[in-house]
Amino acid sequence: MTLKCSPVDVPFGGSKGALKIDPSEWSPQELERITRRFTQELNKRGLICFGVNVPAPDIGAGEREMAWMMDEFRRANPTDAVNARACVTGKPLSKGRAAAYVASSRQVADAYEAIGI
């Protein structure tokens, strides 16, 4: 994400993180607890923050998980409204996602093609 966003000075990106679990083996309630705990650990270490490290959907993590992460960040940082809205991408439209949402990989492919890479 850092490589995709930095050429146009968009402050998203950071690192890649994952949990080594099979989501199909867990109930939705268990997945929510796991996701919220993961978010708490990222927050404790300063690893979830607009302009520093912004989690995004990937395999096994979609809008639902991004909404849980945003909610957990907001719960832990109630006075940080800006970072609470921008701490993750890919959240549901009802939680503040941009209406014109396009897969970033598609945008990067189009940009690379346009500049001849």
PDB file of N, CA and C in Angstrom:
ATOM      1  N   MET A   1       0.823  -1.187   0.000  1.00  0.00           N
ATOM      2  CA  MET A   1       0.000   0.000   0.000  1.00  0.00           C
ATOM      3  C   MET A   1       0.869   1.253   0.000  1.00  0.00           C
ATOM      4  N   THR A   2       1.977   1.225   0.728  1.00  0.00           N
ATOM      5  CA  THR A   2       2.870   2.383   0.757  1.00  0.00           C
ATOM      6  C   THR A   2       3.318   2.737  -0.647  1.00  0.00           C
ATOM      7  N   LEU A   3       3.723   1.726  -1.421  1.00  0.00           N
ATOM      8  CA  LEU A   3       4.188   1.971  -2.790  1.00  0.00           C
ATOM      9  C   LEU A   3       3.071   2.476  -3.682  1.00  0.00           C
ATOM     10  N   LYS A   4       1.859   2.051  -3.421  1.00  0.00           N
ATOM     11  CA  LYS A   4       0.732   2.497  -4.234  1.00  0.00           C
ATOM     12  C   LYS A   4       0.340   3.936  -3.914  1.00  0.00           C
ATOM     13  N   CYS A   5       0.488   4.344  -2.681  1.00  0.00           N
ATOM     14  CA  CYS A   5       0.005   5.663  -2.263  1.00  0.00           C
ATOM     15  C   CYS A   5       1.067   6.759  -2.296  1.00  0.00           C
ATOM     16  N   SER A   6       2.317   6.411  -2.050  1.00  0.00           N
ATOM     17  CA  SER A   6       3.344   7.445  -1.928  1.00  0.00           C
ATOM     18  C   SER A   6       3.573   8.277  -3.184  1.00  0.00           C
ATOM     19  N   PRO A   7       3.460   7.739  -4.401  1.00  0.00           N
ATOM     20  CA  PRO A   7       3.690   8.593  -5.578  1.00  0.00           C
ATOM     21  C   PRO A   7       2.733   9.779  -5.684  1.00  0.00           C
ATOM     22  N   VAL A   8       1.568   9.661  -5.087  1.00  0.00           N
ATOM     23  CA  VAL A   8       0.598  10.757  -5.147  1.00  0.00           C
ATOM     24  C   VAL A   8       0.402  11.409  -3.773  1.00  0.00           C
ATOM     25  N   ASP A   9       1.347  11.154  -2.860  1.00  0.00           N
ATOM     26  CA  ASP A   9       1.373  11.779  -1.542  1.00  0.00           C
ATOM     27  C   ASP A   9       0.100  11.539  -0.729  1.00  0.00           C
ATOM     28  N   VAL A  10      -0.420  10.319  -0.812  1.00  0.00           N
ATOM     29  CA  VAL A  10      -1.565   9.921   0.009  1.00  0.00           C
ATOM     30  C   VAL A  10      -1.009   9.180   1.228  1.00  0.00           C
ATOM     31  N   PRO A  11      -1.319   9.630   2.448  1.00  0.00           N
ATOM     32  CA  PRO A  11      -0.685   9.075   3.649  1.00  0.00           C
ATOM     33  C   PRO A  11      -1.290   7.765   4.154  1.00  0.00           C
ATOM     34  N   PHE A  12      -1.506   6.810   3.266  1.00  0.00           N
ATOM     35  CA  PHE A  12      -1.941   5.482   3.675  1.00  0.00           C
ATOM     36  C   PHE A  12      -0.796   4.519   3.409  1.00  0.00           C
ATOM     37  N   GLY A  13      -0.861   3.383   4.026  1.00  0.00           N
ATOM     38  CA  GLY A  13       0.174   2.381   3.818  1.00  0.00           C
ATOM     39  C   GLY A  13       0.770   1.974   5.141  1.00  0.00           C
ATOM     40  N   GLY A  14       1.996   1.505   5.085  1.00  0.00           N
ATOM     41  CA  GLY A  14       2.683   1.060   6.286  1.00  0.00           C
ATOM     42  C   GLY A  14       3.244  -0.317   6.078  1.00  0.00           C
ATOM     43  N   SER A  15       2.680  -1.281   6.745  1.00  0.00           N
ATOM     44  CA  SER A  15       3.196  -2.641   6.701  1.00  0.00           C
ATOM     45  C   SER A  15       2.082  -3.603   6.312  1.00  0.00           C
ATOM     46  N   LYS A  16       2.410  -4.866   6.292  1.00  0.00           N
ATOM     47  CA  LYS A  16       1.423  -5.911   6.060  1.00  0.00           C
ATOM     48  C   LYS A  16       1.342  -6.725   7.340  1.00  0.00           C
ATOM     49  N   GLY A  17       0.151  -6.961   7.809  1.00  0.00           N
ATOM     50  CA  GLY A  17      -0.026  -7.755   9.013  1.00  0.00           C
ATOM     51  C   GLY A  17      -1.044  -8.849   8.764  1.00  0.00           C
ATOM     52  N   ALA A  18      -0.964  -9.899   9.543  1.00  0.00           N
ATOM     53  CA  ALA A  18      -1.898 -11.008   9.363  1.00  0.00           C
ATOM     54  C   ALA A  18      -2.000 -11.813  10.650  1.00  0.00           C
ATOM     55  N   LEU A  19      -3.072 -12.538  10.755  1.00  0.00           N
ATOM     56  CA  LEU A  19      -3.251 -13.510  11.814  1.00  0.00           C
ATOM     57  C   LEU A  19      -3.301 -14.874  11.148  1.00  0.00           C
ATOM     58  N   LYS A  20      -2.556 -15.809  11.665  1.00  0.00           N
ATOM     59  CA  LYS A  20      -2.503 -17.138  11.060  1.00  0.00           C
ATOM     60  C   LYS A  20      -3.644 -17.993  11.623  1.00  0.00           C
ATOM     61  N   ILE A  21      -4.840 -17.735  11.078  1.00  0.00           N
ATOM     62  CA  ILE A  21      -6.026 -18.494  11.471  1.00  0.00           C
ATOM     63  C   ILE A  21      -6.847 -18.768  10.213  1.00  0.00           C
ATOM     64  N   ASP A  22      -7.687 -19.764  10.292  1.00  0.00           N
ATOM     65  CA  ASP A  22      -8.638 -20.046   9.221  1.00  0.00           C
ATOM     66  C   ASP A  22      -9.988 -19.488   9.673  1.00  0.00           C
ATOM     67  N   PRO A  23     -10.451 -18.376   9.071  1.00  0.00           N
ATOM     68  CA  PRO A  23     -11.700 -17.757   9.519  1.00  0.00           C
ATOM     69  C   PRO A  23     -12.898 -18.705   9.515  1.00  0.00           C
ATOM     70  N   SER A  24     -12.870 -19.718   8.664  1.00  0.00           N
ATOM     71  CA  SER A  24     -14.007 -20.644   8.602  1.00  0.00           C
ATOM     72  C   SER A  24     -14.104 -21.521   9.852  1.00  0.00           C
ATOM     73  N   GLU A  25     -13.054 -21.550  10.656  1.00  0.00           N
ATOM     74  CA  GLU A  25     -13.050 -22.360  11.873  1.00  0.00           C
ATOM     75  C   GLU A  25     -13.537 -21.589  13.105  1.00  0.00           C
ATOM     76  N   TRP A  26     -13.909 -20.329  12.927  1.00  0.00           N
ATOM     77  CA  TRP A  26     -14.297 -19.479  14.046  1.00  0.00           C
ATOM     78  C   TRP A  26     -15.685 -18.900  13.805  1.00  0.00           C
ATOM     79  N   SER A  27     -16.441 -18.713  14.871  1.00  0.00           N
ATOM     80  CA  SER A  27     -17.760 -18.079  14.757  1.00  0.00           C
ATOM     81  C   SER A  27     -17.565 -16.579  14.512  1.00  0.00           C
ATOM     82  N   PRO A  28     -18.597 -15.906  14.000  1.00  0.00           N
ATOM     83  CA  PRO A  28     -18.485 -14.450  13.827  1.00  0.00           C
ATOM     84  C   PRO A  28     -18.147 -13.722  15.134  1.00  0.00           C
ATOM     85  N   GLN A  29     -18.698 -14.187  16.241  1.00  0.00           N
ATOM     86  CA  GLN A  29     -18.412 -13.556  17.533  1.00  0.00           C
ATOM     87  C   GLN A  29     -16.945 -13.749  17.918  1.00  0.00           C
ATOM     88  N   GLU A  30     -16.414 -14.945  17.671  1.00  0.00           N
ATOM     89  CA  GLU A  30     -15.003 -15.197  17.975  1.00  0.00           C
ATOM     90  C   GLU A  30     -14.095 -14.372  17.066  1.00  0.00           C
ATOM     91  N   LEU A  31     -14.457 -14.279  15.795  1.00  0.00           N
ATOM     92  CA  LEU A  31     -13.667 -13.465  14.865  1.00  0.00           C
ATOM     93  C   LEU A  31     -13.657 -11.999  15.283  1.00  0.00           C
ATOM     94  N   GLU A  32     -14.783 -11.521  15.767  1.00  0.00           N
ATOM     95  CA  GLU A  32     -14.828 -10.134  16.234  1.00  0.00           C
ATOM     96  C   GLU A  32     -13.898  -9.938  17.427  1.00  0.00           C
ATOM     97  N   ARG A  33     -13.923 -10.859  18.383  1.00  0.00           N
ATOM     98  CA  ARG A  33     -13.036 -10.740  19.550  1.00  0.00           C
ATOM     99  C   ARG A  33     -11.570 -10.788  19.125  1.00  0.00           C
ATOM    100  N   ILE A  34     -11.242 -11.694  18.211  1.00  0.00           N
ATOM    101  CA  ILE A  34      -9.866 -11.820  17.719  1.00  0.00           C
ATOM    102  C   ILE A  34      -9.434 -10.534  17.018  1.00  0.00           C
ATOM    103  N   THR A  35     -10.292 -10.011  16.161  1.00  0.00           N
ATOM    104  CA  THR A  35      -9.976  -8.792  15.409  1.00  0.00           C
ATOM    105  C   THR A  35      -9.806  -7.604  16.342  1.00  0.00           C
ATOM    106  N   ARG A  36     -10.678  -7.486  17.308  1.00  0.00           N
ATOM    107  CA  ARG A  36     -10.579  -6.372  18.260  1.00  0.00           C
ATOM    108  C   ARG A  36      -9.298  -6.479  19.093  1.00  0.00           C
ATOM    109  N   ARG A  37      -8.942  -7.682  19.502  1.00  0.00           N
ATOM    110  CA  ARG A  37      -7.702  -7.857  20.281  1.00  0.00           C
ATOM    111  C   ARG A  37      -6.483  -7.519  19.423  1.00  0.00           C
ATOM    112  N   PHE A  38      -6.472  -7.944  18.171  1.00  0.00           N
ATOM    113  CA  PHE A  38      -5.388  -7.614  17.248  1.00  0.00           C
ATOM    114  C   PHE A  38      -5.260  -6.093  17.128  1.00  0.00           C
ATOM    115  N   THR A  39      -6.390  -5.410  17.019  1.00  0.00           N
ATOM    116  CA  THR A  39      -6.398  -3.947  16.922  1.00  0.00           C
ATOM    117  C   THR A  39      -5.855  -3.316  18.199  1.00  0.00           C
ATOM    118  N   GLN A  40      -6.227  -3.862  19.347  1.00  0.00           N
ATOM    119  CA  GLN A  40      -5.705  -3.349  20.617  1.00  0.00           C
ATOM    120  C   GLN A  40      -4.183  -3.453  20.659  1.00  0.00           C
ATOM    121  N   GLU A  41      -3.661  -4.576  20.192  1.00  0.00           N
ATOM    122  CA  GLU A  41      -2.206  -4.770  20.202  1.00  0.00           C
ATOM    123  C   GLU A  41      -1.515  -3.814  19.229  1.00  0.00           C
ATOM    124  N   LEU A  42      -2.099  -3.608  18.054  1.00  0.00           N
ATOM    125  CA  LEU A  42      -1.539  -2.625  17.118  1.00  0.00           C
ATOM    126  C   LEU A  42      -1.548  -1.236  17.752  1.00  0.00           C
ATOM    127  N   ASN A  43      -2.652  -0.882  18.383  1.00  0.00           N
ATOM    128  CA  ASN A  43      -2.795   0.437  18.995  1.00  0.00           C
ATOM    129  C   ASN A  43      -1.782   0.645  20.122  1.00  0.00           C
ATOM    130  N   LYS A  44      -1.597  -0.359  20.976  1.00  0.00           N
ATOM    131  CA  LYS A  44      -0.635  -0.254  22.085  1.00  0.00           C
ATOM    132  C   LYS A  44       0.764   0.071  21.586  1.00  0.00           C
ATOM    133  N   ARG A  45       1.096  -0.442  20.417  1.00  0.00           N
ATOM    134  CA  ARG A  45       2.434  -0.279  19.855  1.00  0.00           C
ATOM    135  C   ARG A  45       2.537   0.905  18.888  1.00  0.00           C
ATOM    136  N   GLY A  46       1.450   1.655  18.755  1.00  0.00           N
ATOM    137  CA  GLY A  46       1.448   2.794  17.836  1.00  0.00           C
ATOM    138  C   GLY A  46       1.502   2.379  16.381  1.00  0.00           C
ATOM    139  N   LEU A  47       0.953   1.207  16.083  1.00  0.00           N
ATOM    140  CA  LEU A  47       1.034   0.650  14.730  1.00  0.00           C
ATOM    141  C   LEU A  47      -0.277   0.713  13.961  1.00  0.00           C
ATOM    142  N   ILE A  48      -1.203   1.513  14.419  1.00  0.00           N
ATOM    143  CA  ILE A  48      -2.416   1.765  13.645  1.00  0.00           C
ATOM    144  C   ILE A  48      -2.710   3.251  13.796  1.00  0.00           C
ATOM    145  N   CYS A  49      -2.521   3.975  12.716  1.00  0.00           N
ATOM    146  CA  CYS A  49      -2.667   5.424  12.780  1.00  0.00           C
ATOM    147  C   CYS A  49      -2.557   6.004  11.378  1.00  0.00           C
ATOM    148  N   PHE A  50      -3.433   6.913  11.057  1.00  0.00           N
ATOM    149  CA  PHE A  50      -3.395   7.635   9.791  1.00  0.00           C
ATOM    150  C   PHE A  50      -2.000   8.215   9.582  1.00  0.00           C
ATOM    151  N   GLY A  51      -1.424   7.983   8.423  1.00  0.00           N
ATOM    152  CA  GLY A  51      -0.101   8.499   8.110  1.00  0.00           C
ATOM    153  C   GLY A  51       1.037   7.636   8.610  1.00  0.00           C
ATOM    154  N   VAL A  52       0.737   6.575   9.378  1.00  0.00           N
ATOM    155  CA  VAL A  52       1.777   5.691   9.902  1.00  0.00           C
ATOM    156  C   VAL A  52       1.573   4.277   9.376  1.00  0.00           C
ATOM    157  N   ASN A  53       0.437   3.697   9.682  1.00  0.00           N
ATOM    158  CA  ASN A  53       0.118   2.340   9.263  1.00  0.00           C
ATOM    159  C   ASN A  53      -1.400   2.226   9.216  1.00  0.00           C
ATOM    160  N   VAL A  54      -1.938   2.003   8.038  1.00  0.00           N
ATOM    161  CA  VAL A  54      -3.387   1.986   7.844  1.00  0.00           C
ATOM    162  C   VAL A  54      -3.806   0.614   7.311  1.00  0.00           C
ATOM    163  N   PRO A  55      -4.372  -0.258   8.163  1.00  0.00           N
ATOM    164  CA  PRO A  55      -4.822  -1.565   7.693  1.00  0.00           C
ATOM    165  C   PRO A  55      -5.884  -1.451   6.594  1.00  0.00           C
ATOM    166  N   ALA A  56      -5.881  -2.444   5.717  1.00  0.00           N
ATOM    167  CA  ALA A  56      -6.813  -2.480   4.593  1.00  0.00           C
ATOM    168  C   ALA A  56      -7.310  -3.911   4.403  1.00  0.00           C
ATOM    169  N   PRO A  57      -8.442  -4.083   3.740  1.00  0.00           N
ATOM    170  CA  PRO A  57      -8.965  -5.427   3.490  1.00  0.00           C
ATOM    171  C   PRO A  57      -7.985  -6.276   2.683  1.00  0.00           C
ATOM    172  N   ASP A  58      -8.045  -7.550   2.914  1.00  0.00           N
ATOM    173  CA  ASP A  58      -7.223  -8.506   2.175  1.00  0.00           C
ATOM    174  C   ASP A  58      -7.905  -9.860   2.305  1.00  0.00           C
ATOM    175  N   ILE A  59      -7.203 -10.911   1.980  1.00  0.00           N
ATOM    176  CA  ILE A  59      -7.768 -12.254   2.065  1.00  0.00           C
ATOM    177  C   ILE A  59      -8.232 -12.517   3.498  1.00  0.00           C
ATOM    178  N   GLY A  60      -9.500 -12.848   3.660  1.00  0.00           N
ATOM    179  CA  GLY A  60     -10.048 -13.174   4.969  1.00  0.00           C
ATOM    180  C   GLY A  60     -10.429 -11.979   5.825  1.00  0.00           C
ATOM    181  N   ALA A  61     -10.217 -10.777   5.322  1.00  0.00           N
ATOM    182  CA  ALA A  61     -10.584  -9.570   6.084  1.00  0.00           C
ATOM    183  C   ALA A  61     -11.229  -8.580   5.132  1.00  0.00           C
ATOM    184  N   GLY A  62     -12.492  -8.280   5.391  1.00  0.00           N
ATOM    185  CA  GLY A  62     -13.229  -7.371   4.514  1.00  0.00           C
ATOM    186  C   GLY A  62     -13.811  -6.199   5.283  1.00  0.00           C
ATOM    187  N   GLU A  63     -14.912  -5.684   4.774  1.00  0.00           N
ATOM    188  CA  GLU A  63     -15.565  -4.520   5.379  1.00  0.00           C
ATOM    189  C   GLU A  63     -15.920  -4.744   6.848  1.00  0.00           C
ATOM    190  N   ARG A  64     -16.421  -5.912   7.149  1.00  0.00           N
ATOM    191  CA  ARG A  64     -16.842  -6.204   8.527  1.00  0.00           C
ATOM    192  C   ARG A  64     -15.664  -6.074   9.492  1.00  0.00           C
ATOM    193  N   GLU A  65     -14.545  -6.679   9.132  1.00  0.00           N
ATOM    194  CA  GLU A  65     -13.371  -6.641   9.996  1.00  0.00           C
ATOM    195  C   GLU A  65     -12.794  -5.228  10.095  1.00  0.00           C
ATOM    196  N   MET A  66     -12.828  -4.494   8.986  1.00  0.00           N
ATOM    197  CA  MET A  66     -12.335  -3.112   9.009  1.00  0.00           C
ATOM    198  C   MET A  66     -13.213  -2.247   9.912  1.00  0.00           C
ATOM    199  N   ALA A  67     -14.521  -2.499   9.900  1.00  0.00           N
ATOM    200  CA  ALA A  67     -15.431  -1.764  10.787  1.00  0.00           C
ATOM    201  C   ALA A  67     -15.129  -2.085  12.250  1.00  0.00           C
ATOM    202  N   TRP A  68     -14.854  -3.352  12.561  1.00  0.00           N
ATOM    203  CA  TRP A  68     -14.496  -3.727  13.929  1.00  0.00           C
ATOM    204  C   TRP A  68     -13.206  -3.026  14.354  1.00  0.00           C
ATOM    205  N   MET A  69     -12.226  -2.994  13.444  1.00  0.00           N
ATOM    206  CA  MET A  69     -10.949  -2.352  13.770  1.00  0.00           C
ATOM    207  C   MET A  69     -11.143  -0.852  14.015  1.00  0.00           C
ATOM    208  N   MET A  70     -11.910  -0.207  13.157  1.00  0.00           N
ATOM    209  CA  MET A  70     -12.165   1.218  13.324  1.00  0.00           C
ATOM    210  C   MET A  70     -12.893   1.476  14.646  1.00  0.00           C
ATOM    211  N   ASP A  71     -13.887   0.668  14.946  1.00  0.00           N
ATOM    212  CA  ASP A  71     -14.643   0.817  16.182  1.00  0.00           C
ATOM    213  C   ASP A  71     -13.749   0.622  17.403  1.00  0.00           C
ATOM    214  N   GLU A  72     -12.877  -0.364  17.349  1.00  0.00           N
ATOM    215  CA  GLU A  72     -11.977  -0.627  18.482  1.00  0.00           C
ATOM    216  C   GLU A  72     -10.972   0.508  18.654  1.00  0.00           C
ATOM    217  N   PHE A  73     -10.451   1.025  17.541  1.00  0.00           N
ATOM    218  CA  PHE A  73      -9.539   2.170  17.618  1.00  0.00           C
ATOM    219  C   PHE A  73     -10.260   3.362  18.247  1.00  0.00           C
ATOM    220  N   ARG A  74     -11.483   3.614  17.820  1.00  0.00           N
ATOM    221  CA  ARG A  74     -12.277   4.729  18.355  1.00  0.00           C
ATOM    222  C   ARG A  74     -12.541   4.535  19.855  1.00  0.00           C
ATOM    223  N   ARG A  75     -12.829   3.309  20.261  1.00  0.00           N
ATOM    224  CA  ARG A  75     -13.075   3.028  21.678  1.00  0.00           C
ATOM    225  C   ARG A  75     -11.826   3.324  22.512  1.00  0.00           C
ATOM    226  N   ALA A  76     -10.659   2.962  21.996  1.00  0.00           N
ATOM    227  CA  ALA A  76      -9.406   3.159  22.728  1.00  0.00           C
ATOM    228  C   ALA A  76      -8.899   4.598  22.660  1.00  0.00           C
ATOM    229  N   ASN A  77      -9.350   5.353  21.666  1.00  0.00           N
ATOM    230  CA  ASN A  77      -8.875   6.725  21.447  1.00  0.00           C
ATOM    231  C   ASN A  77     -10.067   7.653  21.234  1.00  0.00           C
ATOM    232  N   PRO A  78     -10.908   7.838  22.250  1.00  0.00           N
ATOM    233  CA  PRO A  78     -12.167   8.567  22.052  1.00  0.00           C
ATOM    234  C   PRO A  78     -12.016  10.035  21.654  1.00  0.00           C
ATOM    235  N   THR A  79     -10.871  10.632  21.905  1.00  0.00           N
ATOM    236  CA  THR A  79     -10.695  12.050  21.560  1.00  0.00           C
ATOM    237  C   THR A  79      -9.999  12.244  20.219  1.00  0.00           C
ATOM    238  N   ASP A  80      -9.682  11.168  19.523  1.00  0.00           N
ATOM    239  CA  ASP A  80      -8.942  11.254  18.261  1.00  0.00           C
ATOM    240  C   ASP A  80      -9.870  10.964  17.082  1.00  0.00           C
ATOM    241  N   ALA A  81     -10.776  11.886  16.798  1.00  0.00           N
ATOM    242  CA  ALA A  81     -11.791  11.673  15.759  1.00  0.00           C
ATOM    243  C   ALA A  81     -11.188  11.535  14.367  1.00  0.00           C
ATOM    244  N   VAL A  82     -10.132  12.279  14.064  1.00  0.00           N
ATOM    245  CA  VAL A  82      -9.523  12.212  12.729  1.00  0.00           C
ATOM    246  C   VAL A  82      -8.940  10.835  12.482  1.00  0.00           C
ATOM    247  N   ASN A  83      -8.111  10.342  13.389  1.00  0.00           N
ATOM    248  CA  ASN A  83      -7.524   9.021  13.206  1.00  0.00           C
ATOM    249  C   ASN A  83      -8.567   7.920  13.275  1.00  0.00           C
ATOM    250  N   ALA A  84      -9.613   8.106  14.063  1.00  0.00           N
ATOM    251  CA  ALA A  84     -10.656   7.083  14.145  1.00  0.00           C
ATOM    252  C   ALA A  84     -11.317   6.874  12.791  1.00  0.00           C
ATOM    253  N   ARG A  85     -11.516   7.928  12.027  1.00  0.00           N
ATOM    254  CA  ARG A  85     -12.139   7.806  10.697  1.00  0.00           C
ATOM    255  C   ARG A  85     -11.152   7.286   9.660  1.00  0.00           C
ATOM    256  N   ALA A  86      -9.856   7.569   9.848  1.00  0.00           N
ATOM    257  CA  ALA A  86      -8.866   7.245   8.819  1.00  0.00           C
ATOM    258  C   ALA A  86      -7.926   6.112   9.212  1.00  0.00           C
ATOM    259  N   CYS A  87      -8.198   5.404  10.302  1.00  0.00           N
ATOM    260  CA  CYS A  87      -7.263   4.384  10.778  1.00  0.00           C
ATOM    261  C   CYS A  87      -7.301   3.106   9.952  1.00  0.00           C
ATOM    262  N   VAL A  88      -8.340   2.901   9.150  1.00  0.00           N
ATOM    263  CA  VAL A  88      -8.423   1.748   8.246  1.00  0.00           C
ATOM    264  C   VAL A  88      -9.060   2.197   6.935  1.00  0.00           C
ATOM    265  N   THR A  89      -8.794   1.450   5.884  1.00  0.00           N
ATOM    266  CA  THR A  89      -9.519   1.653   4.636  1.00  0.00           C
ATOM    267  C   THR A  89     -10.453   0.466   4.444  1.00  0.00           C
ATOM    268  N   GLY A  90     -11.324   0.543   3.462  1.00  0.00           N
ATOM    269  CA  GLY A  90     -12.185  -0.587   3.139  1.00  0.00           C
ATOM    270  C   GLY A  90     -13.336  -0.825   4.085  1.00  0.00           C
ATOM    271  N   LYS A  91     -13.634   0.154   4.921  1.00  0.00           N
ATOM    272  CA  LYS A  91     -14.772  -0.008   5.827  1.00  0.00           C
ATOM    273  C   LYS A  91     -16.073   0.126   5.041  1.00  0.00           C
ATOM    274  N   PRO A  92     -17.200  -0.279   5.616  1.00  0.00           N
ATOM    275  CA  PRO A  92     -18.479  -0.161   4.910  1.00  0.00           C
ATOM    276  C   PRO A  92     -18.841   1.300   4.633  1.00  0.00           C
ATOM    277  N   LEU A  93     -19.629   1.516   3.620  1.00  0.00           N
ATOM    278  CA  LEU A  93     -20.105   2.856   3.277  1.00  0.00           C
ATOM    279  C   LEU A  93     -20.780   3.505   4.487  1.00  0.00           C
ATOM    280  N   SER A  94     -21.533   2.712   5.239  1.00  0.00           N
ATOM    281  CA  SER A  94     -22.238   3.233   6.413  1.00  0.00           C
ATOM    282  C   SER A  94     -21.295   3.681   7.526  1.00  0.00           C
ATOM    283  N   LYS A  95     -20.038   3.260   7.457  1.00  0.00           N
ATOM    284  CA  LYS A  95     -19.044   3.628   8.473  1.00  0.00           C
ATOM    285  C   LYS A  95     -18.063   4.680   7.962  1.00  0.00           C
ATOM    286  N   GLY A  96     -18.332   5.243   6.786  1.00  0.00           N
ATOM    287  CA  GLY A  96     -17.499   6.341   6.320  1.00  0.00           C
ATOM    288  C   GLY A  96     -16.613   6.061   5.126  1.00  0.00           C
ATOM    289  N   ARG A  97     -16.804   4.926   4.474  1.00  0.00           N
ATOM    290  CA  ARG A  97     -16.014   4.639   3.276  1.00  0.00           C
ATOM    291  C   ARG A  97     -16.364   5.641   2.184  1.00  0.00           C
ATOM    292  N   ALA A  98     -15.392   5.987   1.372  1.00  0.00           N
ATOM    293  CA  ALA A  98     -15.649   6.872   0.235  1.00  0.00           C
ATOM    294  C   ALA A  98     -16.627   6.189  -0.716  1.00  0.00           C
ATOM    295  N   ALA A  99     -17.558   6.944  -1.247  1.00  0.00           N
ATOM    296  CA  ALA A  99     -18.575   6.383  -2.139  1.00  0.00           C
ATOM    297  C   ALA A  99     -17.962   5.862  -3.433  1.00  0.00           C
ATOM    298  N   ALA A 100     -16.923   6.506  -3.916  1.00  0.00           N
ATOM    299  CA  ALA A 100     -16.259   6.084  -5.162  1.00  0.00           C
ATOM    300  C   ALA A 100     -15.096   5.171  -4.810  1.00  0.00           C
ATOM    301  N   TYR A 101     -15.415   3.952  -4.408  1.00  0.00           N
ATOM    302  CA  TYR A 101     -14.407   2.993  -3.958  1.00  0.00           C
ATOM    303  C   TYR A 101     -14.009   2.081  -5.111  1.00  0.00           C
ATOM    304  N   VAL A 102     -12.732   2.084  -5.450  1.00  0.00           N
ATOM    305  CA  VAL A 102     -12.200   1.238  -6.514  1.00  0.00           C
ATOM    306  C   VAL A 102     -11.018   0.475  -5.933  1.00  0.00           C
ATOM    307  N   ALA A 103     -10.854  -0.764  -6.312  1.00  0.00           N
ATOM    308  CA  ALA A 103      -9.728  -1.552  -5.823  1.00  0.00           C
ATOM    309  C   ALA A 103      -8.421  -0.834  -6.135  1.00  0.00           C
ATOM    310  N   SER A 104      -7.598  -0.644  -5.101  1.00  0.00           N
ATOM    311  CA  SER A 104      -6.354   0.103  -5.294  1.00  0.00           C
ATOM    312  C   SER A 104      -5.419  -0.602  -6.262  1.00  0.00           C
ATOM    313  N   SER A 105      -5.441  -1.928  -6.286  1.00  0.00           N
ATOM    314  CA  SER A 105      -4.567  -2.643  -7.217  1.00  0.00           C
ATOM    315  C   SER A 105      -4.936  -2.325  -8.657  1.00  0.00           C
ATOM    316  N   ARG A 106      -6.213  -2.136  -8.927  1.00  0.00           N
ATOM    317  CA  ARG A 106      -6.649  -1.756 -10.273  1.00  0.00           C
ATOM    318  C   ARG A 106      -6.130  -0.364 -10.623  1.00  0.00           C
ATOM    319  N   GLN A 107      -6.192   0.538  -9.670  1.00  0.00           N
ATOM    320  CA  GLN A 107      -5.704   1.895  -9.902  1.00  0.00           C
ATOM    321  C   GLN A 107      -4.202   1.902 -10.168  1.00  0.00           C
ATOM    322  N   VAL A 108      -3.464   1.098  -9.425  1.00  0.00           N
ATOM    323  CA  VAL A 108      -2.017   1.016  -9.636  1.00  0.00           C
ATOM    324  C   VAL A 108      -1.718   0.436 -11.009  1.00  0.00           C
ATOM    325  N   ALA A 109      -2.424  -0.616 -11.390  1.00  0.00           N
ATOM    326  CA  ALA A 109      -2.211  -1.214 -12.714  1.00  0.00           C
ATOM    327  C   ALA A 109      -2.481  -0.193 -13.815  1.00  0.00           C
ATOM    328  N   ASP A 110      -3.555   0.575 -13.680  1.00  0.00           N
ATOM    329  CA  ASP A 110      -3.865   1.613 -14.666  1.00  0.00           C
ATOM    330  C   ASP A 110      -2.778   2.679 -14.709  1.00  0.00           C
ATOM    331  N   ALA A 111      -2.285   3.080 -13.542  1.00  0.00           N
ATOM    332  CA  ALA A 111      -1.232   4.107 -13.490  1.00  0.00           C
ATOM    333  C   ALA A 111       0.054   3.594 -14.115  1.00  0.00           C
ATOM    334  N   TYR A 112       0.445   2.364 -13.794  1.00  0.00           N
ATOM    335  CA  TYR A 112       1.664   1.793 -14.377  1.00  0.00           C
ATOM    336  C   TYR A 112       1.552   1.711 -15.893  1.00  0.00           C
ATOM    337  N   GLU A 113       0.382   1.296 -16.374  1.00  0.00           N
ATOM    338  CA  GLU A 113       0.168   1.209 -17.819  1.00  0.00           C
ATOM    339  C   GLU A 113       0.280   2.593 -18.459  1.00  0.00           C
ATOM    340  N   ALA A 114      -0.277   3.590 -17.801  1.00  0.00           N
ATOM    341  CA  ALA A 114      -0.257   4.951 -18.344  1.00  0.00           C
ATOM    342  C   ALA A 114       1.153   5.518 -18.446  1.00  0.00           C
ATOM    343  N   ILE A 115       2.037   5.124 -17.520  1.00  0.00           N
ATOM    344  CA  ILE A 115       3.405   5.651 -17.575  1.00  0.00           C
ATOM    345  C   ILE A 115       4.385   4.671 -18.210  1.00  0.00           C
ATOM    346  N   GLY A 116       3.866   3.581 -18.723  1.00  0.00           N
ATOM    347  CA  GLY A 116       4.687   2.649 -19.486  1.00  0.00           C
ATOM    348  C   GLY A 116       5.526   1.678 -18.683  1.00  0.00           C
ATOM    349  N   ILE A 117       5.068   1.334 -17.498  1.00  0.00           N
ATOM    350  CA  ILE A 117       5.816   0.355 -16.683  1.00  0.00           C
ATOM    351  C   ILE A 117       5.246  -1.027 -16.912  1.00  0.00           C
TER     352      ILE A 117
END
